[in-house]
Amino acid sequence: FRLYRKVFNLHLFTIIFRAYIPVEEHSAIEDLVKFYASMSLAPNTISTYKSAENNLWFFCMFYSYEMVPASDATLARFFVHMAQTMSFNSLKVQWSAIGELHRRNGCEWHTLSSRRLVFQVMRGIKRQIGCSSKKKHAITIEELCKMYFHLDMSSPFDVVWWGAALAAWFLMLRKDNVTSAKEDAFNFNKNLARGDFAMELQHTVLDGDAPSRWS
């Protein structure tokens, strides 16, 4: 009896509380829910997922397959098709995008390990193609000379750029040491700043506290 009374009181309190909140506040809360849900993914991720959805749409339209929900056979064929021009790491991004597409449309989505056919296909692609990233070669002296011939040494901007390029080259820094992907992602402990250098006559002196380690 006490349990029923507690449940009844809680239900009554919920009804009164909902009636007390204005309709405008209900609407504002719903808008905030949609807003925060839309902000769960970064803009770059949303753009990448949109591209993956377009890939699946073109594939299903060309072969007359059902896109949502996509069967295991359709997904296996899709990843085999995309593996002709895409790395394994990019295929994993495609998989995440397709999963987000299904969940957004209210479809049930199973993990990759629970889809036997798709899992075997992906594992086979990984064994044959591999998932190692392509390493970029270091800049050579010949490439530095080519850059120099495109610069105007009467321009202060080009002079500063050339000085930064030479400092990065002689210190064997990586690109992440002298650049930042985002405007607000600058790290004073890792990226070079103007205060790390001092001009003495015709020589440029690098501050001993300047970052010279690998990123």
Protein backbone atom coordinates (compact mmCIF):
# COMPACT_ATOMS: atom_id res chain seq x y z
CA PHE A 1 0.00 0.00 0.00
CA ARG A 2 2.81 2.42 0.84
CA LEU A 3 4.52 1.68 -2.48
CA TYR A 4 1.30 2.38 -4.40
CA ARG A 5 0.84 5.62 -2.48
CA LYS A 6 4.39 6.74 -3.31
CA VAL A 7 3.87 5.96 -6.99
CA PHE A 8 0.54 7.83 -6.96
CA ASN A 9 2.09 10.87 -5.25
CA LEU A 10 4.97 10.89 -7.75
CA HIS A 11 2.58 10.66 -10.67
CA LEU A 12 0.44 13.46 -9.23
CA PHE A 13 3.51 15.63 -8.67
CA THR A 14 4.60 15.04 -12.30
CA ILE A 15 1.19 16.15 -13.59
CA ILE A 16 1.22 19.30 -11.46
CA PHE A 17 4.84 20.09 -12.41
CA ARG A 18 4.11 19.75 -16.11
CA ALA A 19 1.04 21.93 -15.81
CA TYR A 20 3.06 24.58 -13.97
CA ILE A 21 5.74 24.86 -16.71
CA PRO A 22 4.60 27.26 -19.46
CA VAL A 23 4.20 25.97 -22.99
CA GLU A 24 6.91 28.35 -24.19
CA GLU A 25 9.43 26.76 -21.82
CA HIS A 26 8.49 23.29 -23.07
CA SER A 27 9.16 24.49 -26.60
CA ALA A 28 12.46 26.08 -25.57
CA ILE A 29 13.60 22.84 -23.92
CA GLU A 30 12.75 20.87 -27.05
CA ASP A 31 14.69 23.36 -29.16
CA LEU A 32 17.69 23.01 -26.85
CA VAL A 33 17.49 19.21 -27.08
CA LYS A 34 17.60 19.43 -30.89
CA PHE A 35 20.40 21.99 -30.75
CA TYR A 36 22.67 19.99 -28.45
CA ALA A 37 21.95 16.80 -30.41
CA SER A 38 23.00 18.57 -33.61
CA MET A 39 26.23 19.73 -31.91
CA SER A 40 27.28 16.19 -30.96
CA LEU A 41 29.39 15.94 -34.13
CA ALA A 42 32.05 18.36 -35.32
CA PRO A 43 31.45 20.20 -38.63
CA ASN A 44 34.23 18.23 -40.33
CA THR A 45 32.71 14.96 -39.12
CA ILE A 46 29.28 15.98 -40.39
CA SER A 47 30.78 16.81 -43.80
CA THR A 48 32.61 13.45 -43.91
CA TYR A 49 29.48 11.54 -42.90
CA LYS A 50 27.47 13.36 -45.56
CA SER A 51 29.98 12.31 -48.20
CA ALA A 52 29.75 8.70 -47.02
CA GLU A 53 25.95 8.82 -47.18
CA ASN A 54 26.18 10.10 -50.74
CA ASN A 55 28.50 7.23 -51.63
CA LEU A 56 26.00 4.70 -50.28
CA TRP A 57 23.11 6.46 -52.03
CA PHE A 58 24.80 6.38 -55.44
CA PHE A 59 25.81 2.75 -54.96
CA CYS A 60 22.33 1.62 -53.96
CA MET A 61 20.69 3.66 -56.71
CA PHE A 62 22.99 2.22 -59.40
CA TYR A 63 22.50 -1.42 -58.32
CA SER A 64 18.85 -0.99 -57.16
CA TYR A 65 19.59 -1.94 -53.53
CA GLU A 66 17.64 -0.76 -50.51
CA MET A 67 19.63 1.95 -48.77
CA VAL A 68 17.91 2.19 -45.37
CA PRO A 69 17.81 -0.28 -43.81
CA ALA A 70 20.73 -1.83 -45.68
CA SER A 71 21.12 -5.58 -45.51
CA ASP A 72 24.40 -7.29 -44.66
CA ALA A 73 24.79 -8.39 -48.28
CA THR A 74 24.34 -4.81 -49.50
CA LEU A 75 26.87 -3.51 -46.98
CA ALA A 76 29.38 -6.19 -47.93
CA ARG A 77 29.06 -5.34 -51.63
CA PHE A 78 29.31 -1.62 -50.84
CA PHE A 79 32.57 -1.96 -48.91
CA VAL A 80 34.08 -4.19 -51.59
CA HIS A 81 33.16 -1.53 -54.14
CA MET A 82 34.62 1.33 -52.07
CA ALA A 83 37.79 -0.64 -51.28
CA GLN A 84 38.86 -0.24 -54.91
CA THR A 85 39.59 3.45 -54.37
CA MET A 86 39.66 3.88 -50.57
CA SER A 87 41.95 2.87 -47.72
CA PHE A 88 40.82 0.62 -44.90
CA ASN A 89 40.86 3.47 -42.39
CA SER A 90 38.53 5.44 -44.66
CA LEU A 91 36.24 2.41 -44.89
CA LYS A 92 35.89 2.45 -41.10
CA VAL A 93 34.75 6.06 -41.32
CA GLN A 94 32.20 5.01 -43.95
CA TRP A 95 30.94 2.33 -41.56
CA SER A 96 30.47 4.85 -38.75
CA ALA A 97 28.63 7.22 -41.09
CA ILE A 98 26.25 4.51 -42.29
CA GLY A 99 25.54 3.52 -38.69
CA GLU A 100 24.71 7.13 -37.81
CA LEU A 101 22.43 7.30 -40.86
CA HIS A 102 20.46 4.24 -39.73
CA ARG A 103 20.16 5.39 -36.13
CA ARG A 104 19.00 8.83 -37.27
CA ASN A 105 16.22 7.18 -39.28
CA GLY A 106 15.10 4.99 -36.37
CA CYS A 107 16.54 1.75 -37.77
CA GLU A 108 18.18 -0.91 -35.66
CA TRP A 109 21.94 -0.98 -36.07
CA HIS A 110 24.17 -3.90 -35.09
CA THR A 111 27.89 -3.82 -34.40
CA LEU A 112 30.35 -4.94 -37.04
CA SER A 113 31.40 -8.03 -35.08
CA SER A 114 27.79 -9.25 -35.00
CA ARG A 115 27.47 -9.07 -38.81
CA ARG A 116 29.34 -12.17 -39.91
CA LEU A 117 29.47 -11.49 -43.66
CA VAL A 118 30.38 -7.81 -43.35
CA PHE A 119 32.92 -8.55 -40.63
CA GLN A 120 34.66 -11.17 -42.76
CA VAL A 121 34.71 -8.89 -45.79
CA MET A 122 36.20 -6.02 -43.79
CA ARG A 123 38.81 -8.30 -42.23
CA GLY A 124 39.74 -9.62 -45.66
CA ILE A 125 40.09 -6.08 -47.02
CA LYS A 126 42.33 -5.19 -44.08
CA ARG A 127 44.55 -8.22 -44.71
CA GLN A 128 44.89 -7.50 -48.42
CA ILE A 129 45.07 -3.70 -48.45
CA GLY A 130 46.38 -2.98 -44.98
CA CYS A 131 45.59 0.00 -42.78
CA SER A 132 48.94 1.76 -42.53
CA SER A 133 48.89 5.45 -43.36
CA LYS A 134 50.97 6.81 -46.22
CA LYS A 135 54.04 8.55 -44.86
CA LYS A 136 55.08 11.84 -46.39
CA HIS A 137 58.68 12.40 -47.43
CA ALA A 138 60.84 15.11 -45.91
CA ILE A 139 61.42 18.35 -47.83
CA THR A 140 64.70 18.27 -49.73
CA ILE A 141 67.13 21.10 -50.58
CA GLU A 142 65.94 20.98 -54.19
CA GLU A 143 62.36 21.58 -53.06
CA LEU A 144 63.50 24.46 -50.85
CA CYS A 145 65.17 26.06 -53.87
CA LYS A 146 61.97 25.73 -55.88
CA MET A 147 60.06 27.45 -53.09
CA TYR A 148 62.65 30.24 -52.95
CA PHE A 149 62.29 31.06 -56.65
CA HIS A 150 58.57 31.68 -56.10
CA LEU A 151 59.18 34.21 -53.32
CA ASP A 152 59.62 37.97 -53.52
CA MET A 153 62.38 38.94 -51.10
CA SER A 154 61.29 42.57 -51.26
CA SER A 155 58.04 41.56 -49.58
CA PRO A 156 58.17 41.44 -45.75
CA PHE A 157 55.59 38.66 -45.73
CA ASP A 158 57.68 36.44 -48.02
CA VAL A 159 60.83 37.18 -46.00
CA VAL A 160 59.12 36.14 -42.76
CA TRP A 161 57.69 33.01 -44.41
CA TRP A 162 61.11 32.05 -45.77
CA GLY A 163 62.71 32.53 -42.36
CA ALA A 164 60.11 30.32 -40.71
CA ALA A 165 60.53 27.68 -43.43
CA LEU A 166 64.32 27.60 -43.01
CA ALA A 167 64.03 27.43 -39.21
CA ALA A 168 61.62 24.51 -39.49
CA TRP A 169 63.86 22.76 -42.03
CA PHE A 170 67.13 23.09 -40.08
CA LEU A 171 65.45 22.07 -36.81
CA MET A 172 63.84 19.08 -38.57
CA LEU A 173 60.42 20.08 -37.27
CA ARG A 174 57.18 18.53 -38.37
CA LYS A 175 54.34 20.49 -39.89
CA ASP A 176 52.41 20.39 -36.61
CA ASN A 177 55.28 22.20 -34.87
CA VAL A 178 54.92 25.34 -36.96
CA THR A 179 51.24 25.30 -37.89
CA SER A 180 47.95 24.69 -36.12
CA ALA A 181 44.88 23.04 -37.59
CA LYS A 182 42.49 25.50 -35.94
CA GLU A 183 42.74 29.13 -34.94
CA ASP A 184 42.09 28.37 -31.27
CA ALA A 185 44.30 25.26 -31.21
CA PHE A 186 47.65 27.06 -30.98
CA ASN A 187 49.87 25.48 -28.34
CA PHE A 188 52.71 27.65 -27.00
CA ASN A 189 54.47 24.54 -25.70
CA LYS A 190 54.56 22.93 -29.16
CA ASN A 191 54.18 25.58 -31.88
CA LEU A 192 56.83 28.17 -32.66
CA ALA A 193 56.00 31.77 -31.78
CA ARG A 194 57.58 35.14 -32.55
CA GLY A 195 59.03 35.33 -29.06
CA ASP A 196 61.12 32.21 -29.70
CA PHE A 197 63.42 34.19 -32.02
CA ALA A 198 65.69 37.17 -31.51
CA MET A 199 67.51 39.16 -34.20
CA GLU A 200 71.20 39.91 -33.62
CA LEU A 201 72.87 41.72 -36.51
CA GLN A 202 72.68 39.30 -39.46
CA HIS A 203 71.99 36.20 -37.40
CA THR A 204 68.79 34.69 -36.13
CA VAL A 205 69.04 33.19 -32.65
CA LEU A 206 66.59 30.56 -31.48
CA ASP A 207 65.57 30.79 -27.84
CA GLY A 208 66.72 27.79 -25.85
CA ASP A 209 63.23 27.27 -24.47
CA ALA A 210 61.70 27.06 -27.94
CA PRO A 211 60.04 23.73 -28.76
CA SER A 212 62.34 21.49 -30.79
CA ARG A 213 60.94 18.07 -29.97
CA TRP A 214 58.78 15.91 -32.18
CA SER A 215 55.03 16.41 -32.10
